[in-house]
Amino acid sequence: MVNVLQKFTFNLPAIAMSRKGDILLEDIKIENVSLLKEINDLRRELKTSRSIAHDFKAALKIARKNRFDD
């Protein structure tokens, strides 16, 4: 029984480091998911902005055309 306990206590720092590494990896995964969500939100916002800009350009061309036709 003492031998098993000695092996466990000897490996305790390695176990702690392994768990610390697992926690660190989990934190990195959470951060990556958060960053990917933010990137996708920004892409959606950019797409919407480009669409609005396109609509404004089209409206401006129509307004210019109507002004010259008068």
PDB file of N, CA and C in Angstrom:
ATOM      1  N   MET A   1       0.826  -1.197   0.000  1.00  0.00           N
ATOM      2  CA  MET A   1       0.000   0.000   0.000  1.00  0.00           C
ATOM      3  C   MET A   1       0.863   1.252   0.000  1.00  0.00           C
ATOM      4  N   VAL A   2       1.933   1.256   0.757  1.00  0.00           N
ATOM      5  CA  VAL A   2       2.813   2.419   0.829  1.00  0.00           C
ATOM      6  C   VAL A   2       3.472   2.648  -0.523  1.00  0.00           C
ATOM      7  N   ASN A   3       3.835   1.582  -1.199  1.00  0.00           N
ATOM      8  CA  ASN A   3       4.484   1.705  -2.501  1.00  0.00           C
ATOM      9  C   ASN A   3       3.559   2.402  -3.508  1.00  0.00           C
ATOM     10  N   VAL A   4       2.289   2.054  -3.517  1.00  0.00           N
ATOM     11  CA  VAL A   4       1.316   2.672  -4.416  1.00  0.00           C
ATOM     12  C   VAL A   4       1.168   4.144  -4.070  1.00  0.00           C
ATOM     13  N   LEU A   5       1.112   4.459  -2.783  1.00  0.00           N
ATOM     14  CA  LEU A   5       0.989   5.840  -2.336  1.00  0.00           C
ATOM     15  C   LEU A   5       2.218   6.647  -2.729  1.00  0.00           C
ATOM     16  N   GLN A   6       3.392   6.041  -2.622  1.00  0.00           N
ATOM     17  CA  GLN A   6       4.617   6.737  -3.015  1.00  0.00           C
ATOM     18  C   GLN A   6       4.608   7.031  -4.518  1.00  0.00           C
ATOM     19  N   LYS A   7       4.167   6.085  -5.314  1.00  0.00           N
ATOM     20  CA  LYS A   7       4.091   6.299  -6.761  1.00  0.00           C
ATOM     21  C   LYS A   7       3.104   7.421  -7.086  1.00  0.00           C
ATOM     22  N   PHE A   8       1.977   7.430  -6.370  1.00  0.00           N
ATOM     23  CA  PHE A   8       0.971   8.461  -6.617  1.00  0.00           C
ATOM     24  C   PHE A   8       1.511   9.840  -6.258  1.00  0.00           C
ATOM     25  N   THR A   9       2.136   9.956  -5.098  1.00  0.00           N
ATOM     26  CA  THR A   9       2.662  11.262  -4.684  1.00  0.00           C
ATOM     27  C   THR A   9       3.830  11.670  -5.558  1.00  0.00           C
ATOM     28  N   PHE A  10       4.587  10.715  -6.052  1.00  0.00           N
ATOM     29  CA  PHE A  10       5.697  11.033  -6.951  1.00  0.00           C
ATOM     30  C   PHE A  10       5.166  11.601  -8.273  1.00  0.00           C
ATOM     31  N   ASN A  11       4.062  11.063  -8.756  1.00  0.00           N
ATOM     32  CA  ASN A  11       3.474  11.505 -10.022  1.00  0.00           C
ATOM     33  C   ASN A  11       2.527  12.693  -9.860  1.00  0.00           C
ATOM     34  N   LEU A  12       2.282  13.124  -8.650  1.00  0.00           N
ATOM     35  CA  LEU A  12       1.337  14.208  -8.409  1.00  0.00           C
ATOM     36  C   LEU A  12       1.694  15.489  -9.159  1.00  0.00           C
ATOM     37  N   PRO A  13       2.940  15.944  -9.167  1.00  0.00           N
ATOM     38  CA  PRO A  13       3.250  17.153  -9.951  1.00  0.00           C
ATOM     39  C   PRO A  13       2.965  16.969 -11.443  1.00  0.00           C
ATOM     40  N   ALA A  14       3.256  15.787 -11.961  1.00  0.00           N
ATOM     41  CA  ALA A  14       2.993  15.523 -13.380  1.00  0.00           C
ATOM     42  C   ALA A  14       1.490  15.538 -13.650  1.00  0.00           C
ATOM     43  N   ILE A  15       0.715  14.979 -12.735  1.00  0.00           N
ATOM     44  CA  ILE A  15      -0.741  14.976 -12.892  1.00  0.00           C
ATOM     45  C   ILE A  15      -1.266  16.404 -12.834  1.00  0.00           C
ATOM     46  N   ALA A  16      -0.746  17.183 -11.892  1.00  0.00           N
ATOM     47  CA  ALA A  16      -1.178  18.579 -11.769  1.00  0.00           C
ATOM     48  C   ALA A  16      -0.835  19.360 -13.030  1.00  0.00           C
ATOM     49  N   MET A  17       0.346  19.167 -13.566  1.00  0.00           N
ATOM     50  CA  MET A  17       0.748  19.867 -14.789  1.00  0.00           C
ATOM     51  C   MET A  17      -0.120  19.435 -15.964  1.00  0.00           C
ATOM     52  N   SER A  18      -0.456  18.156 -16.017  1.00  0.00           N
ATOM     53  CA  SER A  18      -1.307  17.652 -17.092  1.00  0.00           C
ATOM     54  C   SER A  18      -2.688  18.305 -17.020  1.00  0.00           C
ATOM     55  N   ARG A  19      -3.230  18.384 -15.826  1.00  0.00           N
ATOM     56  CA  ARG A  19      -4.546  19.012 -15.664  1.00  0.00           C
ATOM     57  C   ARG A  19      -4.469  20.504 -15.953  1.00  0.00           C
ATOM     58  N   LYS A  20      -3.371  21.125 -15.553  1.00  0.00           N
ATOM     59  CA  LYS A  20      -3.187  22.545 -15.834  1.00  0.00           C
ATOM     60  C   LYS A  20      -3.127  22.759 -17.347  1.00  0.00           C
ATOM     61  N   GLY A  21      -2.450  21.863 -18.039  1.00  0.00           N
ATOM     62  CA  GLY A  21      -2.380  21.934 -19.493  1.00  0.00           C
ATOM     63  C   GLY A  21      -3.740  21.732 -20.132  1.00  0.00           C
ATOM     64  N   ASP A  22      -4.516  20.800 -19.580  1.00  0.00           N
ATOM     65  CA  ASP A  22      -5.870  20.558 -20.096  1.00  0.00           C
ATOM     66  C   ASP A  22      -6.744  21.792 -19.920  1.00  0.00           C
ATOM     67  N   ILE A  23      -6.616  22.431 -18.758  1.00  0.00           N
ATOM     68  CA  ILE A  23      -7.396  23.646 -18.502  1.00  0.00           C
ATOM     69  C   ILE A  23      -6.963  24.743 -19.458  1.00  0.00           C
ATOM     70  N   LEU A  24      -5.657  24.867 -19.675  1.00  0.00           N
ATOM     71  CA  LEU A  24      -5.143  25.876 -20.596  1.00  0.00           C
ATOM     72  C   LEU A  24      -5.658  25.616 -22.013  1.00  0.00           C
ATOM     73  N   LEU A  25      -5.635  24.366 -22.448  1.00  0.00           N
ATOM     74  CA  LEU A  25      -6.151  24.029 -23.778  1.00  0.00           C
ATOM     75  C   LEU A  25      -7.636  24.344 -23.889  1.00  0.00           C
ATOM     76  N   GLU A  26      -8.381  24.066 -22.832  1.00  0.00           N
ATOM     77  CA  GLU A  26      -9.816  24.365 -22.839  1.00  0.00           C
ATOM     78  C   GLU A  26     -10.042  25.873 -22.936  1.00  0.00           C
ATOM     79  N   ASP A  27      -9.233  26.648 -22.215  1.00  0.00           N
ATOM     80  CA  ASP A  27      -9.337  28.112 -22.294  1.00  0.00           C
ATOM     81  C   ASP A  27      -9.029  28.604 -23.700  1.00  0.00           C
ATOM     82  N   ILE A  28      -8.032  28.010 -24.335  1.00  0.00           N
ATOM     83  CA  ILE A  28      -7.663  28.400 -25.697  1.00  0.00           C
ATOM     84  C   ILE A  28      -8.796  28.062 -26.664  1.00  0.00           C
ATOM     85  N   LYS A  29      -9.403  26.894 -26.493  1.00  0.00           N
ATOM     86  CA  LYS A  29     -10.524  26.504 -27.359  1.00  0.00           C
ATOM     87  C   LYS A  29     -11.690  27.475 -27.211  1.00  0.00           C
ATOM     88  N   ILE A  30     -11.989  27.855 -25.971  1.00  0.00           N
ATOM     89  CA  ILE A  30     -13.080  28.807 -25.727  1.00  0.00           C
ATOM     90  C   ILE A  30     -12.759  30.142 -26.376  1.00  0.00           C
ATOM     91  N   GLU A  31     -11.520  30.592 -26.241  1.00  0.00           N
ATOM     92  CA  GLU A  31     -11.105  31.862 -26.850  1.00  0.00           C
ATOM     93  C   GLU A  31     -11.199  31.779 -28.372  1.00  0.00           C
ATOM     94  N   ASN A  32     -10.801  30.651 -28.951  1.00  0.00           N
ATOM     95  CA  ASN A  32     -10.885  30.476 -30.404  1.00  0.00           C
ATOM     96  C   ASN A  32     -12.333  30.543 -30.886  1.00  0.00           C
ATOM     97  N   VAL A  33     -13.228  29.898 -30.169  1.00  0.00           N
ATOM     98  CA  VAL A  33     -14.643  29.930 -30.540  1.00  0.00           C
ATOM     99  C   VAL A  33     -15.161  31.361 -30.478  1.00  0.00           C
ATOM    100  N   SER A  34     -14.764  32.073 -29.437  1.00  0.00           N
ATOM    101  CA  SER A  34     -15.189  33.464 -29.286  1.00  0.00           C
ATOM    102  C   SER A  34     -14.665  34.324 -30.432  1.00  0.00           C
ATOM    103  N   LEU A  35     -13.403  34.131 -30.795  1.00  0.00           N
ATOM    104  CA  LEU A  35     -12.816  34.903 -31.893  1.00  0.00           C
ATOM    105  C   LEU A  35     -13.467  34.563 -33.230  1.00  0.00           C
ATOM    106  N   LEU A  36     -13.752  33.296 -33.465  1.00  0.00           N
ATOM    107  CA  LEU A  36     -14.417  32.902 -34.709  1.00  0.00           C
ATOM    108  C   LEU A  36     -15.811  33.509 -34.804  1.00  0.00           C
ATOM    109  N   LYS A  37     -16.524  33.557 -33.689  1.00  0.00           N
ATOM    110  CA  LYS A  37     -17.849  34.177 -33.678  1.00  0.00           C
ATOM    111  C   LYS A  37     -17.730  35.659 -34.014  1.00  0.00           C
ATOM    112  N   GLU A  38     -16.741  36.319 -33.428  1.00  0.00           N
ATOM    113  CA  GLU A  38     -16.549  37.744 -33.703  1.00  0.00           C
ATOM    114  C   GLU A  38     -16.192  37.977 -35.170  1.00  0.00           C
ATOM    115  N   ILE A  39     -15.340  37.122 -35.730  1.00  0.00           N
ATOM    116  CA  ILE A  39     -14.971  37.242 -37.145  1.00  0.00           C
ATOM    117  C   ILE A  39     -16.204  37.081 -38.025  1.00  0.00           C
ATOM    118  N   ASN A  40     -17.029  36.085 -37.730  1.00  0.00           N
ATOM    119  CA  ASN A  40     -18.240  35.865 -38.528  1.00  0.00           C
ATOM    120  C   ASN A  40     -19.213  37.034 -38.411  1.00  0.00           C
ATOM    121  N   ASP A  41     -19.330  37.594 -37.207  1.00  0.00           N
ATOM    122  CA  ASP A  41     -20.190  38.775 -37.035  1.00  0.00           C
ATOM    123  C   ASP A  41     -19.669  39.944 -37.863  1.00  0.00           C
ATOM    124  N   LEU A  42     -18.351  40.146 -37.867  1.00  0.00           N
ATOM    125  CA  LEU A  42     -17.763  41.234 -38.651  1.00  0.00           C
ATOM    126  C   LEU A  42     -17.944  41.002 -40.148  1.00  0.00           C
ATOM    127  N   ARG A  43     -17.842  39.753 -40.581  1.00  0.00           N
ATOM    128  CA  ARG A  43     -18.071  39.448 -42.000  1.00  0.00           C
ATOM    129  C   ARG A  43     -19.506  39.769 -42.399  1.00  0.00           C
ATOM    130  N   ARG A  44     -20.448  39.404 -41.521  1.00  0.00           N
ATOM    131  CA  ARG A  44     -21.854  39.705 -41.781  1.00  0.00           C
ATOM    132  C   ARG A  44     -22.080  41.213 -41.855  1.00  0.00           C
ATOM    133  N   GLU A  45     -21.467  41.942 -40.939  1.00  0.00           N
ATOM    134  CA  GLU A  45     -21.601  43.398 -40.926  1.00  0.00           C
ATOM    135  C   GLU A  45     -20.997  44.013 -42.183  1.00  0.00           C
ATOM    136  N   LEU A  46     -19.849  43.497 -42.617  1.00  0.00           N
ATOM    137  CA  LEU A  46     -19.208  43.992 -43.838  1.00  0.00           C
ATOM    138  C   LEU A  46     -20.092  43.726 -45.053  1.00  0.00           C
ATOM    139  N   LYS A  47     -20.676  42.540 -45.112  1.00  0.00           N
ATOM    140  CA  LYS A  47     -21.560  42.197 -46.228  1.00  0.00           C
ATOM    141  C   LYS A  47     -22.758  43.144 -46.276  1.00  0.00           C
ATOM    142  N   THR A  48     -23.340  43.422 -45.121  1.00  0.00           N
ATOM    143  CA  THR A  48     -24.474  44.347 -45.053  1.00  0.00           C
ATOM    144  C   THR A  48     -24.056  45.743 -45.486  1.00  0.00           C
ATOM    145  N   SER A  49     -22.897  46.193 -45.019  1.00  0.00           N
ATOM    146  CA  SER A  49     -22.405  47.531 -45.379  1.00  0.00           C
ATOM    147  C   SER A  49     -22.151  47.644 -46.877  1.00  0.00           C
ATOM    148  N   ARG A  50     -21.587  46.603 -47.459  1.00  0.00           N
ATOM    149  CA  ARG A  50     -21.346  46.615 -48.907  1.00  0.00           C
ATOM    150  C   ARG A  50     -22.660  46.669 -49.680  1.00  0.00           C
ATOM    151  N   SER A  51     -23.650  45.945 -49.196  1.00  0.00           N
ATOM    152  CA  SER A  51     -24.959  45.949 -49.843  1.00  0.00           C
ATOM    153  C   SER A  51     -25.595  47.339 -49.771  1.00  0.00           C
ATOM    154  N   ILE A  52     -25.496  47.976 -48.617  1.00  0.00           N
ATOM    155  CA  ILE A  52     -26.043  49.330 -48.457  1.00  0.00           C
ATOM    156  C   ILE A  52     -25.310  50.306 -49.368  1.00  0.00           C
ATOM    157  N   ALA A  53     -23.980  50.197 -49.432  1.00  0.00           N
ATOM    158  CA  ALA A  53     -23.192  51.076 -50.300  1.00  0.00           C
ATOM    159  C   ALA A  53     -23.592  50.877 -51.760  1.00  0.00           C
ATOM    160  N   HIS A  54     -23.806  49.639 -52.154  1.00  0.00           N
ATOM    161  CA  HIS A  54     -24.222  49.346 -53.524  1.00  0.00           C
ATOM    162  C   HIS A  54     -25.578  49.983 -53.821  1.00  0.00           C
ATOM    163  N   ASP A  55     -26.498  49.862 -52.866  1.00  0.00           N
ATOM    164  CA  ASP A  55     -27.829  50.465 -53.044  1.00  0.00           C
ATOM    165  C   ASP A  55     -27.734  51.984 -53.178  1.00  0.00           C
ATOM    166  N   PHE A  56     -26.876  52.621 -52.370  1.00  0.00           N
ATOM    167  CA  PHE A  56     -26.694  54.072 -52.462  1.00  0.00           C
ATOM    168  C   PHE A  56     -26.111  54.478 -53.810  1.00  0.00           C
ATOM    169  N   LYS A  57     -25.135  53.706 -54.285  1.00  0.00           N
ATOM    170  CA  LYS A  57     -24.538  54.013 -55.592  1.00  0.00           C
ATOM    171  C   LYS A  57     -25.580  53.896 -56.698  1.00  0.00           C
ATOM    172  N   ALA A  58     -26.398  52.862 -56.629  1.00  0.00           N
ATOM    173  CA  ALA A  58     -27.446  52.677 -57.638  1.00  0.00           C
ATOM    174  C   ALA A  58     -28.448  53.826 -57.579  1.00  0.00           C
ATOM    175  N   ALA A  59     -28.831  54.232 -56.389  1.00  0.00           N
ATOM    176  CA  ALA A  59     -29.777  55.344 -56.241  1.00  0.00           C
ATOM    177  C   ALA A  59     -29.164  56.640 -56.757  1.00  0.00           C
ATOM    178  N   LEU A  60     -27.875  56.841 -56.527  1.00  0.00           N
ATOM    179  CA  LEU A  60     -27.197  58.046 -56.997  1.00  0.00           C
ATOM    180  C   LEU A  60     -27.155  58.078 -58.520  1.00  0.00           C
ATOM    181  N   LYS A  61     -26.905  56.939 -59.145  1.00  0.00           N
ATOM    182  CA  LYS A  61     -26.893  56.880 -60.611  1.00  0.00           C
ATOM    183  C   LYS A  61     -28.270  57.217 -61.172  1.00  0.00           C
ATOM    184  N   ILE A  62     -29.316  56.709 -60.543  1.00  0.00           N
ATOM    185  CA  ILE A  62     -30.684  57.001 -60.994  1.00  0.00           C
ATOM    186  C   ILE A  62     -30.981  58.489 -60.831  1.00  0.00           C
ATOM    187  N   ALA A  63     -30.567  59.062 -59.698  1.00  0.00           N
ATOM    188  CA  ALA A  63     -30.813  60.484 -59.451  1.00  0.00           C
ATOM    189  C   ALA A  63     -30.069  61.339 -60.467  1.00  0.00           C
ATOM    190  N   ARG A  64     -28.830  60.979 -60.783  1.00  0.00           N
ATOM    191  CA  ARG A  64     -28.061  61.736 -61.779  1.00  0.00           C
ATOM    192  C   ARG A  64     -28.709  61.625 -63.153  1.00  0.00           C
ATOM    193  N   LYS A  65     -29.157  60.425 -63.491  1.00  0.00           N
ATOM    194  CA  LYS A  65     -29.782  60.205 -64.792  1.00  0.00           C
ATOM    195  C   LYS A  65     -31.054  61.040 -64.909  1.00  0.00           C
ATOM    196  N   ASN A  66     -31.862  61.058 -63.863  1.00  0.00           N
ATOM    197  CA  ASN A  66     -33.106  61.837 -63.878  1.00  0.00           C
ATOM    198  C   ASN A  66     -32.816  63.334 -63.965  1.00  0.00           C
ATOM    199  N   ARG A  67     -31.748  63.785 -63.337  1.00  0.00           N
ATOM    200  CA  ARG A  67     -31.422  65.209 -63.370  1.00  0.00           C
ATOM    201  C   ARG A  67     -30.992  65.619 -64.772  1.00  0.00           C
ATOM    202  N   PHE A  68     -30.248  64.759 -65.448  1.00  0.00           N
ATOM    203  CA  PHE A  68     -29.792  65.087 -66.803  1.00  0.00           C
ATOM    204  C   PHE A  68     -30.924  64.968 -67.824  1.00  0.00           C
ATOM    205  N   ASP A  69     -31.914  64.134 -67.554  1.00  0.00           N
ATOM    206  CA  ASP A  69     -33.042  63.970 -68.471  1.00  0.00           C
ATOM    207  C   ASP A  69     -33.976  65.180 -68.445  1.00  0.00           C
ATOM    208  N   ASP A  70     -33.952  65.931 -67.355  1.00  0.00           N
ATOM    209  CA  ASP A  70     -34.863  67.090 -67.237  1.00  0.00           C
ATOM    210  C   ASP A  70     -34.452  68.215 -68.088  1.00  0.00           C
TER     211      ASP A  70
END
